[in-house]
Amino acid sequence: MAEFIKQLREMGEDFFDNIKHKMKLSTIFDLYTEKVIPTFVSEKDLKEYYERRMEEVNLFIDKL
């Protein structure tokens, strides 16, 4: 029984560590998209790029 509790505790710790790691990655990605990208790409260019990509996605969906 003690071994089962130990394994359960270790699984919980691993799960918690994975969640913390994913939160950090999300935060790093958010910082990158909010701070770094705008320094070298204009908002107009980003808007045009995303509009073009959305058109491509819509055409792909229509073909399906």
N, C-alpha and C. Protein backbone atom coordinates (compact mmCIF):
# COMPACT_ATOMS: atom_id res chain seq x y z
N MET A 1 0.83 -1.19 0.00
CA MET A 1 0.00 0.00 0.00
C MET A 1 0.87 1.25 0.00
N ALA A 2 1.96 1.22 0.74
CA ALA A 2 2.85 2.38 0.80
C ALA A 2 3.48 2.65 -0.57
N GLU A 3 3.78 1.57 -1.30
CA GLU A 3 4.36 1.73 -2.65
C GLU A 3 3.36 2.40 -3.59
N PHE A 4 2.09 2.01 -3.48
CA PHE A 4 1.03 2.61 -4.31
C PHE A 4 0.91 4.10 -4.04
N ILE A 5 0.92 4.48 -2.79
CA ILE A 5 0.81 5.89 -2.41
C ILE A 5 2.02 6.67 -2.93
N LYS A 6 3.20 6.06 -2.83
CA LYS A 6 4.41 6.70 -3.33
C LYS A 6 4.32 6.93 -4.84
N GLN A 7 3.84 5.91 -5.58
CA GLN A 7 3.70 6.05 -7.03
C GLN A 7 2.66 7.10 -7.39
N LEU A 8 1.57 7.12 -6.65
CA LEU A 8 0.52 8.12 -6.88
C LEU A 8 1.06 9.53 -6.66
N ARG A 9 1.84 9.70 -5.61
CA ARG A 9 2.43 11.00 -5.32
C ARG A 9 3.40 11.42 -6.42
N GLU A 10 4.23 10.49 -6.91
CA GLU A 10 5.17 10.81 -7.98
C GLU A 10 4.44 11.18 -9.27
N MET A 11 3.34 10.48 -9.57
CA MET A 11 2.57 10.81 -10.77
C MET A 11 1.98 12.21 -10.64
N GLY A 12 1.50 12.55 -9.45
CA GLY A 12 0.96 13.89 -9.22
C GLY A 12 2.01 14.96 -9.39
N GLU A 13 3.21 14.69 -8.89
CA GLU A 13 4.31 15.66 -9.04
C GLU A 13 4.69 15.81 -10.50
N ASP A 14 4.76 14.71 -11.25
CA ASP A 14 5.08 14.79 -12.68
C ASP A 14 4.02 15.60 -13.43
N PHE A 15 2.75 15.34 -13.10
CA PHE A 15 1.66 16.07 -13.74
C PHE A 15 1.77 17.56 -13.45
N PHE A 16 2.02 17.91 -12.20
CA PHE A 16 2.16 19.32 -11.82
C PHE A 16 3.35 19.96 -12.54
N ASP A 17 4.47 19.26 -12.63
CA ASP A 17 5.64 19.79 -13.35
C ASP A 17 5.33 20.02 -14.82
N ASN A 18 4.59 19.10 -15.44
CA ASN A 18 4.21 19.27 -16.85
C ASN A 18 3.33 20.49 -17.04
N ILE A 19 2.39 20.69 -16.15
CA ILE A 19 1.50 21.85 -16.24
C ILE A 19 2.30 23.14 -16.09
N LYS A 20 3.22 23.19 -15.13
CA LYS A 20 4.04 24.38 -14.94
C LYS A 20 4.88 24.65 -16.18
N HIS A 21 5.43 23.61 -16.78
CA HIS A 21 6.26 23.77 -17.97
C HIS A 21 5.43 24.33 -19.13
N LYS A 22 4.23 23.79 -19.32
CA LYS A 22 3.36 24.28 -20.40
C LYS A 22 2.96 25.72 -20.17
N MET A 23 2.73 26.11 -18.93
CA MET A 23 2.37 27.50 -18.63
C MET A 23 3.54 28.42 -18.96
N LYS A 24 4.76 27.99 -18.66
CA LYS A 24 5.93 28.80 -18.98
C LYS A 24 6.07 28.95 -20.48
N LEU A 25 5.87 27.86 -21.24
CA LEU A 25 5.97 27.94 -22.69
C LEU A 25 4.91 28.89 -23.24
N SER A 26 3.71 28.83 -22.71
CA SER A 26 2.66 29.72 -23.15
C SER A 26 3.05 31.16 -22.88
N THR A 27 3.61 31.42 -21.72
CA THR A 27 4.01 32.77 -21.37
C THR A 27 5.14 33.26 -22.28
N ILE A 28 6.11 32.41 -22.55
CA ILE A 28 7.21 32.78 -23.44
C ILE A 28 6.67 33.06 -24.84
N PHE A 29 5.75 32.21 -25.32
CA PHE A 29 5.17 32.42 -26.64
C PHE A 29 4.38 33.72 -26.68
N ASP A 30 3.60 33.98 -25.64
CA ASP A 30 2.83 35.22 -25.59
C ASP A 30 3.76 36.44 -25.62
N LEU A 31 4.83 36.39 -24.84
CA LEU A 31 5.78 37.49 -24.84
C LEU A 31 6.40 37.68 -26.22
N TYR A 32 6.74 36.58 -26.86
CA TYR A 32 7.34 36.66 -28.19
C TYR A 32 6.39 37.30 -29.18
N THR A 33 5.12 36.84 -29.17
CA THR A 33 4.18 37.38 -30.15
C THR A 33 3.78 38.82 -29.85
N GLU A 34 3.78 39.20 -28.59
CA GLU A 34 3.35 40.54 -28.23
C GLU A 34 4.48 41.56 -28.25
N LYS A 35 5.70 41.14 -27.98
CA LYS A 35 6.81 42.08 -27.84
C LYS A 35 7.83 42.00 -28.97
N VAL A 36 8.22 40.80 -29.34
CA VAL A 36 9.33 40.64 -30.29
C VAL A 36 8.88 40.84 -31.73
N ILE A 37 7.83 40.16 -32.14
CA ILE A 37 7.39 40.24 -33.53
C ILE A 37 7.06 41.67 -33.94
N PRO A 38 6.32 42.44 -33.15
CA PRO A 38 6.00 43.82 -33.57
C PRO A 38 7.23 44.71 -33.75
N THR A 39 8.37 44.35 -33.17
CA THR A 39 9.55 45.21 -33.33
C THR A 39 10.14 45.13 -34.72
N PHE A 40 9.92 44.02 -35.44
CA PHE A 40 10.51 43.93 -36.77
C PHE A 40 9.49 43.69 -37.88
N VAL A 41 8.21 43.61 -37.55
CA VAL A 41 7.16 43.45 -38.55
C VAL A 41 6.06 44.46 -38.25
N SER A 42 5.66 45.19 -39.27
CA SER A 42 4.62 46.20 -39.05
C SER A 42 3.26 45.54 -38.88
N GLU A 43 2.37 46.23 -38.23
CA GLU A 43 1.03 45.70 -37.99
C GLU A 43 0.29 45.51 -39.30
N LYS A 44 0.51 46.39 -40.24
CA LYS A 44 -0.12 46.28 -41.56
C LYS A 44 0.32 45.00 -42.26
N ASP A 45 1.62 44.71 -42.22
CA ASP A 45 2.13 43.49 -42.85
C ASP A 45 1.57 42.24 -42.19
N LEU A 46 1.48 42.27 -40.86
CA LEU A 46 0.90 41.13 -40.15
C LEU A 46 -0.56 40.92 -40.53
N LYS A 47 -1.30 42.00 -40.63
CA LYS A 47 -2.71 41.91 -40.98
C LYS A 47 -2.87 41.33 -42.38
N GLU A 48 -2.06 41.81 -43.32
CA GLU A 48 -2.12 41.29 -44.69
C GLU A 48 -1.76 39.80 -44.73
N TYR A 49 -0.73 39.44 -43.97
CA TYR A 49 -0.30 38.04 -43.93
C TYR A 49 -1.42 37.15 -43.41
N TYR A 50 -2.02 37.54 -42.28
CA TYR A 50 -3.08 36.71 -41.71
C TYR A 50 -4.33 36.68 -42.57
N GLU A 51 -4.64 37.76 -43.25
CA GLU A 51 -5.78 37.75 -44.17
C GLU A 51 -5.52 36.78 -45.32
N ARG A 52 -4.31 36.81 -45.85
CA ARG A 52 -3.94 35.91 -46.94
C ARG A 52 -3.99 34.45 -46.47
N ARG A 53 -3.48 34.18 -45.27
CA ARG A 53 -3.50 32.82 -44.73
C ARG A 53 -4.94 32.34 -44.50
N MET A 54 -5.79 33.23 -44.03
CA MET A 54 -7.20 32.86 -43.80
C MET A 54 -7.89 32.53 -45.13
N GLU A 55 -7.56 33.27 -46.18
CA GLU A 55 -8.12 32.96 -47.49
C GLU A 55 -7.67 31.58 -47.94
N GLU A 56 -6.39 31.26 -47.73
CA GLU A 56 -5.87 29.94 -48.10
C GLU A 56 -6.57 28.84 -47.31
N VAL A 57 -6.79 29.07 -46.04
CA VAL A 57 -7.48 28.08 -45.20
C VAL A 57 -8.91 27.89 -45.69
N ASN A 58 -9.58 28.98 -45.99
CA ASN A 58 -10.97 28.90 -46.48
C ASN A 58 -11.03 28.15 -47.80
N LEU A 59 -10.09 28.41 -48.70
CA LEU A 59 -10.08 27.69 -49.98
C LEU A 59 -9.82 26.20 -49.74
N PHE A 60 -8.93 25.89 -48.85
CA PHE A 60 -8.66 24.49 -48.53
C PHE A 60 -9.91 23.80 -47.98
N ILE A 61 -10.62 24.47 -47.09
CA ILE A 61 -11.84 23.91 -46.52
C ILE A 61 -12.90 23.72 -47.60
N ASP A 62 -13.01 24.69 -48.51
CA ASP A 62 -13.98 24.58 -49.59
C ASP A 62 -13.69 23.38 -50.50
N LYS A 63 -12.40 23.10 -50.72
CA LYS A 63 -12.01 21.96 -51.56
C LYS A 63 -12.36 20.63 -50.92
N LEU A 64 -12.39 20.61 -49.60
CA LEU A 64 -12.74 19.36 -48.92
C LEU A 64 -14.20 19.08 -49.13
